[in-house]
Amino acid sequence: MALKQVALVSTMAVCALARCGAELSPELKANYKIPTPAASIASADTIEVNTYIHVVSNGSTIDDGYLTSEQLDKQKAVLNNVFADYSIHFNFLDTDYTENADWAHGIMTQDMTSALRKGSYKDLNLFFLGSMGGQVTGQCSFPLNLTDFPDPSTMVSRDGCMIVSNTIPGGPHLTYNLGLNAVHEVGHWFGLIHVFTDTCGGNGDEVEDTPEQATETYGCPIGKDSCPDFPGVDSIHNYMDYSDDGCKTEFTPGQVSRMHNAWSTYRESQ
């Protein structure tokens, strides 16, 4: 059942509020509409995403941003295990290590991505950092129509996901330590918006089958309903909320359709 109207989205990438740094720019237009009804997940061809990992640290501990190959293997497994249910697979091609105090703390990140990013616009680049300031645990780019920009190569060089290293599986973060912070950020890379965006009664996350939700979620408050005048309760189990990692379990069929549509429209042929 459709729970809200679907509209075009005009955004450039990245998350919002306390947990995930954010910026929505009207000048940077994606403008893709979600297929209705949602495409069948079972019939969708598997998306194969070549993926590069960049560990950017200011020391030798996880709080400095440093991760061992064993720790990274656990994060890779979480990404592929979660997205396998939605016909998406990540081919991890290379990992590099960089020591840079500024970059490891989220400073001059455009310089970092320009220097380290590999591959084309359809290749995912994950940057693991020591911190990003305050309570922010990640930030990631939305897919864009590169022909809208005077210098597409610059936009490609800025594309990628930044993730605080202590959120990997088994990491020391108190609430995000099962590796699902990376799942959340990669959801943005595939065009998903937070489920609590622009509601109640607005365009929301631009997906029909996620209920109206006015506020981000922390913890795992079963039955939370921030838009009681609209059908359904808040999507506290959705990967695109801020719930604790132990609470998050799903993308909706509409979100999966959006990810596949964004891939085929903006990334696959780049």
C-alpha atoms as a PDB file:
ATOM      1  CA  MET A   1       0.000   0.000   0.000  1.00  0.00           C
ATOM      2  CA  ALA A   2       1.357   3.386  -0.927  1.00  0.00           C
ATOM      3  CA  LEU A   3       1.805   5.490   2.191  1.00  0.00           C
ATOM      4  CA  LYS A   4       2.889   8.773   0.681  1.00  0.00           C
ATOM      5  CA  GLN A   5       3.294  10.703  -2.525  1.00  0.00           C
ATOM      6  CA  VAL A   6       6.472  10.221  -4.539  1.00  0.00           C
ATOM      7  CA  ALA A   7       8.224  13.257  -6.001  1.00  0.00           C
ATOM      8  CA  LEU A   8      11.468  14.044  -7.783  1.00  0.00           C
ATOM      9  CA  VAL A   9      14.510  14.516  -5.603  1.00  0.00           C
ATOM     10  CA  SER A  10      17.131  17.209  -6.129  1.00  0.00           C
ATOM     11  CA  THR A  11      20.006  16.542  -3.779  1.00  0.00           C
ATOM     12  CA  MET A  12      23.704  16.126  -3.662  1.00  0.00           C
ATOM     13  CA  ALA A  13      24.753  13.522  -1.340  1.00  0.00           C
ATOM     14  CA  VAL A  14      25.489  13.073   2.215  1.00  0.00           C
ATOM     15  CA  CYS A  15      23.682  12.337   5.432  1.00  0.00           C
ATOM     16  CA  ALA A  16      22.236  14.595   8.069  1.00  0.00           C
ATOM     17  CA  LEU A  17      21.936  15.525  11.711  1.00  0.00           C
ATOM     18  CA  ALA A  18      23.976  14.352  14.665  1.00  0.00           C
ATOM     19  CA  ARG A  19      25.027  10.925  13.547  1.00  0.00           C
ATOM     20  CA  CYS A  20      25.743  11.417   9.885  1.00  0.00           C
ATOM     21  CA  GLY A  21      26.973  14.766   8.456  1.00  0.00           C
ATOM     22  CA  ALA A  22      24.567  16.358   5.976  1.00  0.00           C
ATOM     23  CA  GLU A  23      24.015  18.732   3.204  1.00  0.00           C
ATOM     24  CA  LEU A  24      21.185  18.915   0.691  1.00  0.00           C
ATOM     25  CA  SER A  25      21.900  21.354  -2.128  1.00  0.00           C
ATOM     26  CA  PRO A  26      19.212  22.531  -4.598  1.00  0.00           C
ATOM     27  CA  GLU A  27      21.977  23.359  -7.076  1.00  0.00           C
ATOM     28  CA  LEU A  28      23.026  19.725  -7.294  1.00  0.00           C
ATOM     29  CA  LYS A  29      20.225  17.849  -8.981  1.00  0.00           C
ATOM     30  CA  ALA A  30      19.770  14.085  -9.193  1.00  0.00           C
ATOM     31  CA  ASN A  31      16.109  14.228 -10.337  1.00  0.00           C
ATOM     32  CA  TYR A  32      15.237  10.575 -10.631  1.00  0.00           C
ATOM     33  CA  LYS A  33      11.783   9.258  -9.936  1.00  0.00           C
ATOM     34  CA  ILE A  34      11.150   5.991  -8.135  1.00  0.00           C
ATOM     35  CA  PRO A  35       9.513   3.269 -10.249  1.00  0.00           C
ATOM     36  CA  THR A  36       5.932   2.553  -9.152  1.00  0.00           C
ATOM     37  CA  PRO A  37       5.104  -0.120  -8.243  1.00  0.00           C
ATOM     38  CA  ALA A  38       8.479  -1.265  -6.923  1.00  0.00           C
ATOM     39  CA  ALA A  39      10.326  -3.657  -9.200  1.00  0.00           C
ATOM     40  CA  SER A  40      10.566  -7.283  -8.140  1.00  0.00           C
ATOM     41  CA  ILE A  41      13.696  -7.871  -6.090  1.00  0.00           C
ATOM     42  CA  ALA A  42      13.826 -11.506  -7.120  1.00  0.00           C
ATOM     43  CA  SER A  43      13.864 -10.671 -10.824  1.00  0.00           C
ATOM     44  CA  ALA A  44      16.474  -7.930 -10.585  1.00  0.00           C
ATOM     45  CA  ASP A  45      19.889  -8.653 -12.054  1.00  0.00           C
ATOM     46  CA  THR A  46      22.618  -8.583  -9.425  1.00  0.00           C
ATOM     47  CA  ILE A  47      24.556  -5.329  -9.356  1.00  0.00           C
ATOM     48  CA  GLU A  48      28.306  -5.968  -9.195  1.00  0.00           C
ATOM     49  CA  VAL A  49      30.164  -3.041  -7.609  1.00  0.00           C
ATOM     50  CA  ASN A  50      33.936  -2.813  -7.781  1.00  0.00           C
ATOM     51  CA  THR A  51      35.021  -1.428  -4.415  1.00  0.00           C
ATOM     52  CA  TYR A  52      38.194   0.197  -3.106  1.00  0.00           C
ATOM     53  CA  ILE A  53      39.027   0.694   0.583  1.00  0.00           C
ATOM     54  CA  HIS A  54      41.180   3.517   1.923  1.00  0.00           C
ATOM     55  CA  VAL A  55      42.284   3.378   5.563  1.00  0.00           C
ATOM     56  CA  VAL A  56      43.271   6.895   6.626  1.00  0.00           C
ATOM     57  CA  SER A  57      44.814   7.056  10.099  1.00  0.00           C
ATOM     58  CA  ASN A  58      46.835   9.144  12.493  1.00  0.00           C
ATOM     59  CA  GLY A  59      48.353   6.258  14.419  1.00  0.00           C
ATOM     60  CA  SER A  60      48.083   2.518  14.927  1.00  0.00           C
ATOM     61  CA  THR A  61      44.788   2.061  16.830  1.00  0.00           C
ATOM     62  CA  ILE A  62      41.188   1.870  15.716  1.00  0.00           C
ATOM     63  CA  ASP A  63      40.486   5.220  17.396  1.00  0.00           C
ATOM     64  CA  ASP A  64      43.259   6.680  15.219  1.00  0.00           C
ATOM     65  CA  GLY A  65      41.463   5.269  12.191  1.00  0.00           C
ATOM     66  CA  TYR A  66      43.726   2.266  11.664  1.00  0.00           C
ATOM     67  CA  LEU A  67      42.133  -1.076  10.777  1.00  0.00           C
ATOM     68  CA  THR A  68      43.749  -4.470  10.284  1.00  0.00           C
ATOM     69  CA  SER A  69      42.980  -6.681   7.309  1.00  0.00           C
ATOM     70  CA  GLU A  70      41.048  -8.999   9.647  1.00  0.00           C
ATOM     71  CA  GLN A  71      38.857  -6.130  10.845  1.00  0.00           C
ATOM     72  CA  LEU A  72      38.233  -5.027   7.277  1.00  0.00           C
ATOM     73  CA  ASP A  73      37.317  -8.586   6.271  1.00  0.00           C
ATOM     74  CA  LYS A  74      34.531  -8.529   8.874  1.00  0.00           C
ATOM     75  CA  GLN A  75      33.192  -5.256   7.491  1.00  0.00           C
ATOM     76  CA  LYS A  76      33.339  -6.582   3.936  1.00  0.00           C
ATOM     77  CA  ALA A  77      31.369  -9.651   5.009  1.00  0.00           C
ATOM     78  CA  VAL A  78      28.652  -7.528   6.622  1.00  0.00           C
ATOM     79  CA  LEU A  79      28.245  -5.415   3.491  1.00  0.00           C
ATOM     80  CA  ASN A  80      27.976  -8.414   1.201  1.00  0.00           C
ATOM     81  CA  ASN A  81      25.745 -10.394   3.582  1.00  0.00           C
ATOM     82  CA  VAL A  82      23.267  -7.520   3.953  1.00  0.00           C
ATOM     83  CA  PHE A  83      23.151  -6.423   0.317  1.00  0.00           C
ATOM     84  CA  ALA A  84      23.015  -9.995  -1.041  1.00  0.00           C
ATOM     85  CA  ASP A  85      19.328 -10.053  -0.070  1.00  0.00           C
ATOM     86  CA  TYR A  86      18.797  -7.094  -2.413  1.00  0.00           C
ATOM     87  CA  SER A  87      20.759  -8.355  -5.453  1.00  0.00           C
ATOM     88  CA  ILE A  88      23.840  -6.204  -4.842  1.00  0.00           C
ATOM     89  CA  HIS A  89      27.384  -7.565  -4.497  1.00  0.00           C
ATOM     90  CA  PHE A  90      30.675  -5.800  -3.759  1.00  0.00           C
ATOM     91  CA  ASN A  91      33.915  -6.929  -5.392  1.00  0.00           C
ATOM     92  CA  PHE A  92      36.703  -5.677  -3.108  1.00  0.00           C
ATOM     93  CA  LEU A  93      39.640  -4.981  -5.401  1.00  0.00           C
ATOM     94  CA  ASP A  94      42.228  -3.120  -3.334  1.00  0.00           C
ATOM     95  CA  THR A  95      43.014  -1.619   0.079  1.00  0.00           C
ATOM     96  CA  ASP A  96      45.514   1.165   0.722  1.00  0.00           C
ATOM     97  CA  TYR A  97      46.797   2.807   3.906  1.00  0.00           C
ATOM     98  CA  THR A  98      47.558   6.500   4.372  1.00  0.00           C
ATOM     99  CA  GLU A  99      48.797   8.397   7.436  1.00  0.00           C
ATOM    100  CA  ASN A 100      47.548  11.970   7.473  1.00  0.00           C
ATOM    101  CA  ALA A 101      46.467  13.739  10.673  1.00  0.00           C
ATOM    102  CA  ASP A 102      44.074  16.157   8.971  1.00  0.00           C
ATOM    103  CA  TRP A 103      42.384  13.620   6.735  1.00  0.00           C
ATOM    104  CA  ALA A 104      42.082  11.085   9.558  1.00  0.00           C
ATOM    105  CA  HIS A 105      39.986  13.612  11.491  1.00  0.00           C
ATOM    106  CA  GLY A 106      37.725  14.657   8.636  1.00  0.00           C
ATOM    107  CA  ILE A 107      39.611  17.819   7.680  1.00  0.00           C
ATOM    108  CA  MET A 108      40.249  18.708   4.006  1.00  0.00           C
ATOM    109  CA  THR A 109      38.296  15.654   2.883  1.00  0.00           C
ATOM    110  CA  GLN A 110      37.949  16.854  -0.713  1.00  0.00           C
ATOM    111  CA  ASP A 111      41.742  16.871  -0.942  1.00  0.00           C
ATOM    112  CA  MET A 112      41.721  13.347   0.479  1.00  0.00           C
ATOM    113  CA  THR A 113      39.176  11.917  -1.939  1.00  0.00           C
ATOM    114  CA  SER A 114      40.820  13.632  -4.908  1.00  0.00           C
ATOM    115  CA  ALA A 115      44.195  12.152  -3.965  1.00  0.00           C
ATOM    116  CA  LEU A 116      43.097   8.632  -3.045  1.00  0.00           C
ATOM    117  CA  ARG A 117      39.947   7.774  -4.988  1.00  0.00           C
ATOM    118  CA  LYS A 118      40.239   4.978  -7.579  1.00  0.00           C
ATOM    119  CA  GLY A 119      38.139   3.793 -10.492  1.00  0.00           C
ATOM    120  CA  SER A 120      35.220   5.393 -12.293  1.00  0.00           C
ATOM    121  CA  TYR A 121      31.915   6.814 -11.058  1.00  0.00           C
ATOM    122  CA  LYS A 122      30.384   3.333 -10.835  1.00  0.00           C
ATOM    123  CA  ASP A 123      33.150   2.183  -8.452  1.00  0.00           C
ATOM    124  CA  LEU A 124      32.562   2.521  -4.719  1.00  0.00           C
ATOM    125  CA  ASN A 125      35.325   4.056  -2.598  1.00  0.00           C
ATOM    126  CA  LEU A 126      35.152   3.592   1.190  1.00  0.00           C
ATOM    127  CA  PHE A 127      37.312   5.881   3.333  1.00  0.00           C
ATOM    128  CA  PHE A 128      37.762   4.744   6.946  1.00  0.00           C
ATOM    129  CA  LEU A 129      38.774   7.614   9.254  1.00  0.00           C
ATOM    130  CA  GLY A 130      39.539   8.107  12.935  1.00  0.00           C
ATOM    131  CA  SER A 131      36.826  10.732  13.427  1.00  0.00           C
ATOM    132  CA  MET A 132      34.689  13.262  11.594  1.00  0.00           C
ATOM    133  CA  GLY A 133      33.948  15.757  14.338  1.00  0.00           C
ATOM    134  CA  GLY A 134      31.338  15.611  17.091  1.00  0.00           C
ATOM    135  CA  GLN A 135      29.001  12.618  16.944  1.00  0.00           C
ATOM    136  CA  VAL A 136      29.198  12.193  13.161  1.00  0.00           C
ATOM    137  CA  THR A 137      29.964   8.608  12.170  1.00  0.00           C
ATOM    138  CA  GLY A 138      29.793   8.846   8.384  1.00  0.00           C
ATOM    139  CA  GLN A 139      29.040  10.779   5.223  1.00  0.00           C
ATOM    140  CA  CYS A 140      28.453   9.656   1.668  1.00  0.00           C
ATOM    141  CA  SER A 141      27.686  10.931  -1.833  1.00  0.00           C
ATOM    142  CA  PHE A 142      24.381  10.553  -3.637  1.00  0.00           C
ATOM    143  CA  PRO A 143      24.457   9.589  -7.333  1.00  0.00           C
ATOM    144  CA  LEU A 144      24.399  12.583  -9.659  1.00  0.00           C
ATOM    145  CA  ASN A 145      23.871  13.293 -13.329  1.00  0.00           C
ATOM    146  CA  LEU A 146      27.463  14.308 -14.099  1.00  0.00           C
ATOM    147  CA  THR A 147      26.480  16.070 -17.304  1.00  0.00           C
ATOM    148  CA  ASP A 148      24.821  18.755 -15.136  1.00  0.00           C
ATOM    149  CA  PHE A 149      28.234  19.945 -13.966  1.00  0.00           C
ATOM    150  CA  PRO A 150      30.889  21.922 -15.858  1.00  0.00           C
ATOM    151  CA  ASP A 151      33.674  19.648 -14.600  1.00  0.00           C
ATOM    152  CA  PRO A 152      32.405  16.062 -14.211  1.00  0.00           C
ATOM    153  CA  SER A 153      35.886  14.777 -13.340  1.00  0.00           C
ATOM    154  CA  THR A 154      35.882  16.926 -10.205  1.00  0.00           C
ATOM    155  CA  MET A 155      32.533  15.482  -9.140  1.00  0.00           C
ATOM    156  CA  VAL A 156      33.867  11.962  -9.648  1.00  0.00           C
ATOM    157  CA  SER A 157      36.934  12.748  -7.533  1.00  0.00           C
ATOM    158  CA  ARG A 158      34.681  13.767  -4.623  1.00  0.00           C
ATOM    159  CA  ASP A 159      32.469  10.683  -4.794  1.00  0.00           C
ATOM    160  CA  GLY A 160      32.655   8.109  -2.020  1.00  0.00           C
ATOM    161  CA  CYS A 161      31.728   7.192   1.546  1.00  0.00           C
ATOM    162  CA  MET A 162      33.577   8.294   4.685  1.00  0.00           C
ATOM    163  CA  ILE A 163      33.095   6.017   7.692  1.00  0.00           C
ATOM    164  CA  VAL A 164      34.449   6.325  11.221  1.00  0.00           C
ATOM    165  CA  SER A 165      36.556   3.237  11.877  1.00  0.00           C
ATOM    166  CA  ASN A 166      35.206   2.452  15.345  1.00  0.00           C
ATOM    167  CA  THR A 167      31.835   1.474  13.806  1.00  0.00           C
ATOM    168  CA  ILE A 168      33.139  -1.676  12.136  1.00  0.00           C
ATOM    169  CA  PRO A 169      31.979  -5.085  13.438  1.00  0.00           C
ATOM    170  CA  GLY A 170      33.355  -5.498  16.947  1.00  0.00           C
ATOM    171  CA  GLY A 171      34.461  -1.860  17.109  1.00  0.00           C
ATOM    172  CA  PRO A 172      34.390   0.197  20.307  1.00  0.00           C
ATOM    173  CA  HIS A 173      31.494   2.473  19.336  1.00  0.00           C
ATOM    174  CA  LEU A 174      28.773   2.040  21.969  1.00  0.00           C
ATOM    175  CA  THR A 175      25.764   1.771  19.640  1.00  0.00           C
ATOM    176  CA  TYR A 176      27.103   1.340  16.094  1.00  0.00           C
ATOM    177  CA  ASN A 177      29.498  -1.593  16.256  1.00  0.00           C
ATOM    178  CA  LEU A 178      28.026  -4.280  14.018  1.00  0.00           C
ATOM    179  CA  GLY A 179      29.202  -2.782  10.743  1.00  0.00           C
ATOM    180  CA  LEU A 180      25.784  -1.410   9.776  1.00  0.00           C
ATOM    181  CA  ASN A 181      26.992   2.178   9.769  1.00  0.00           C
ATOM    182  CA  ALA A 182      28.750   1.307   6.501  1.00  0.00           C
ATOM    183  CA  VAL A 183      25.508  -0.252   5.203  1.00  0.00           C
ATOM    184  CA  HIS A 184      23.686   3.011   5.989  1.00  0.00           C
ATOM    185  CA  GLU A 185      26.305   5.113   4.184  1.00  0.00           C
ATOM    186  CA  VAL A 186      26.391   2.850   1.130  1.00  0.00           C
ATOM    187  CA  GLY A 187      22.594   3.159   1.045  1.00  0.00           C
ATOM    188  CA  HIS A 188      23.146   6.883   0.432  1.00  0.00           C
ATOM    189  CA  TRP A 189      25.649   6.060  -2.343  1.00  0.00           C
ATOM    190  CA  PHE A 190      22.809   4.155  -4.018  1.00  0.00           C
ATOM    191  CA  GLY A 191      20.449   7.127  -3.685  1.00  0.00           C
ATOM    192  CA  LEU A 192      18.575   6.417  -0.446  1.00  0.00           C
ATOM    193  CA  ILE A 193      17.545   9.274   1.835  1.00  0.00           C
ATOM    194  CA  HIS A 194      16.946   9.070   5.587  1.00  0.00           C
ATOM    195  CA  VAL A 195      13.505   7.663   6.381  1.00  0.00           C
ATOM    196  CA  PHE A 196      12.840  10.637   8.683  1.00  0.00           C
ATOM    197  CA  THR A 197      13.355  13.310   6.000  1.00  0.00           C
ATOM    198  CA  ASP A 198      10.733  15.998   5.242  1.00  0.00           C
ATOM    199  CA  THR A 199       7.700  14.504   6.994  1.00  0.00           C
ATOM    200  CA  CYS A 200       4.920  14.350   8.248  1.00  0.00           C
ATOM    201  CA  GLY A 201       3.061  15.070   5.039  1.00  0.00           C
ATOM    202  CA  GLY A 202       6.054  16.064   2.916  1.00  0.00           C
ATOM    203  CA  ASN A 203       7.881  14.110   0.244  1.00  0.00           C
ATOM    204  CA  GLY A 204       9.718  12.142   2.908  1.00  0.00           C
ATOM    205  CA  ASP A 205      12.447   9.833   1.647  1.00  0.00           C
ATOM    206  CA  GLU A 206      10.906   9.712  -1.856  1.00  0.00           C
ATOM    207  CA  VAL A 207       9.925   6.042  -1.376  1.00  0.00           C
ATOM    208  CA  GLU A 208       6.280   4.955  -1.235  1.00  0.00           C
ATOM    209  CA  ASP A 209       6.459   2.015   1.148  1.00  0.00           C
ATOM    210  CA  THR A 210       8.256   3.619   4.096  1.00  0.00           C
ATOM    211  CA  PRO A 211       5.774   5.151   6.589  1.00  0.00           C
ATOM    212  CA  GLU A 212       5.789   8.850   7.378  1.00  0.00           C
ATOM    213  CA  GLN A 213       8.406   9.624  10.036  1.00  0.00           C
ATOM    214  CA  ALA A 214       9.232  13.023  11.535  1.00  0.00           C
ATOM    215  CA  THR A 215      12.241  12.293  13.758  1.00  0.00           C
ATOM    216  CA  GLU A 216      15.379  10.179  13.690  1.00  0.00           C
ATOM    217  CA  THR A 217      15.484   7.165  15.992  1.00  0.00           C
ATOM    218  CA  TYR A 218      18.032   6.362  18.679  1.00  0.00           C
ATOM    219  CA  GLY A 219      18.098   3.060  20.534  1.00  0.00           C
ATOM    220  CA  CYS A 220      15.337   0.659  19.495  1.00  0.00           C
ATOM    221  CA  PRO A 221      12.006   2.067  20.723  1.00  0.00           C
ATOM    222  CA  ILE A 222       9.434  -0.477  19.537  1.00  0.00           C
ATOM    223  CA  GLY A 223       6.199   1.189  18.449  1.00  0.00           C
ATOM    224  CA  LYS A 224       7.704   4.670  18.000  1.00  0.00           C
ATOM    225  CA  ASP A 225       5.247   6.732  15.955  1.00  0.00           C
ATOM    226  CA  SER A 226       6.325  10.311  15.220  1.00  0.00           C
ATOM    227  CA  CYS A 227       3.536  10.831  12.648  1.00  0.00           C
ATOM    228  CA  PRO A 228       0.459   9.427  14.422  1.00  0.00           C
ATOM    229  CA  ASP A 229      -1.957  10.963  11.905  1.00  0.00           C
ATOM    230  CA  PHE A 230      -0.459   8.863   9.089  1.00  0.00           C
ATOM    231  CA  PRO A 231      -0.501   5.079   8.518  1.00  0.00           C
ATOM    232  CA  GLY A 232       2.221   2.921  10.013  1.00  0.00           C
ATOM    233  CA  VAL A 233       4.786   3.349  12.765  1.00  0.00           C
ATOM    234  CA  ASP A 234       8.341   4.632  12.397  1.00  0.00           C
ATOM    235  CA  SER A 235      10.852   2.539  10.432  1.00  0.00           C
ATOM    236  CA  ILE A 236      13.099   1.880  13.408  1.00  0.00           C
ATOM    237  CA  HIS A 237      14.373  -1.354  11.850  1.00  0.00           C
ATOM    238  CA  ASN A 238      15.327   0.332   8.583  1.00  0.00           C
ATOM    239  CA  TYR A 239      19.001   0.719   7.702  1.00  0.00           C
ATOM    240  CA  MET A 240      18.315   4.360   6.784  1.00  0.00           C
ATOM    241  CA  ASP A 241      17.248   5.387  10.290  1.00  0.00           C
ATOM    242  CA  TYR A 242      19.681   6.147  13.141  1.00  0.00           C
ATOM    243  CA  SER A 243      18.603   3.219  15.335  1.00  0.00           C
ATOM    244  CA  ASP A 244      21.226   1.158  17.135  1.00  0.00           C
ATOM    245  CA  ASP A 245      22.922  -1.414  14.911  1.00  0.00           C
ATOM    246  CA  GLY A 246      21.224  -4.223  16.829  1.00  0.00           C
ATOM    247  CA  CYS A 247      17.843  -2.794  15.839  1.00  0.00           C
ATOM    248  CA  LYS A 248      18.360  -2.423  12.076  1.00  0.00           C
ATOM    249  CA  THR A 249      17.372  -5.317   9.824  1.00  0.00           C
ATOM    250  CA  GLU A 250      15.916  -4.147   6.502  1.00  0.00           C
ATOM    251  CA  PHE A 251      15.488  -2.111   3.363  1.00  0.00           C
ATOM    252  CA  THR A 252      11.956  -1.993   1.919  1.00  0.00           C
ATOM    253  CA  PRO A 253      11.124  -3.202  -1.613  1.00  0.00           C
ATOM    254  CA  GLY A 254      10.661   0.441  -2.620  1.00  0.00           C
ATOM    255  CA  GLN A 255      14.116   1.331  -1.334  1.00  0.00           C
ATOM    256  CA  VAL A 256      15.608  -1.594  -3.227  1.00  0.00           C
ATOM    257  CA  SER A 257      13.862  -0.447  -6.389  1.00  0.00           C
ATOM    258  CA  ARG A 258      15.296   3.039  -5.850  1.00  0.00           C
ATOM    259  CA  MET A 259      18.831   1.671  -5.420  1.00  0.00           C
ATOM    260  CA  HIS A 260      18.629  -0.386  -8.602  1.00  0.00           C
ATOM    261  CA  ASN A 261      17.091   2.514 -10.514  1.00  0.00           C
ATOM    262  CA  ALA A 262      19.764   4.946  -9.305  1.00  0.00           C
ATOM    263  CA  TRP A 263      22.504   2.505 -10.277  1.00  0.00           C
ATOM    264  CA  SER A 264      21.195   1.961 -13.800  1.00  0.00           C
ATOM    265  CA  THR A 265      20.459   5.662 -14.330  1.00  0.00           C
ATOM    266  CA  TYR A 266      23.543   7.336 -12.860  1.00  0.00           C
ATOM    267  CA  ARG A 267      26.389   4.912 -12.235  1.00  0.00           C
ATOM    268  CA  GLU A 268      26.294   1.751 -14.343  1.00  0.00           C
ATOM    269  CA  SER A 269      27.404   3.326 -17.627  1.00  0.00           C
ATOM    270  CA  GLN A 270      29.978   5.718 -16.114  1.00  0.00           C
END
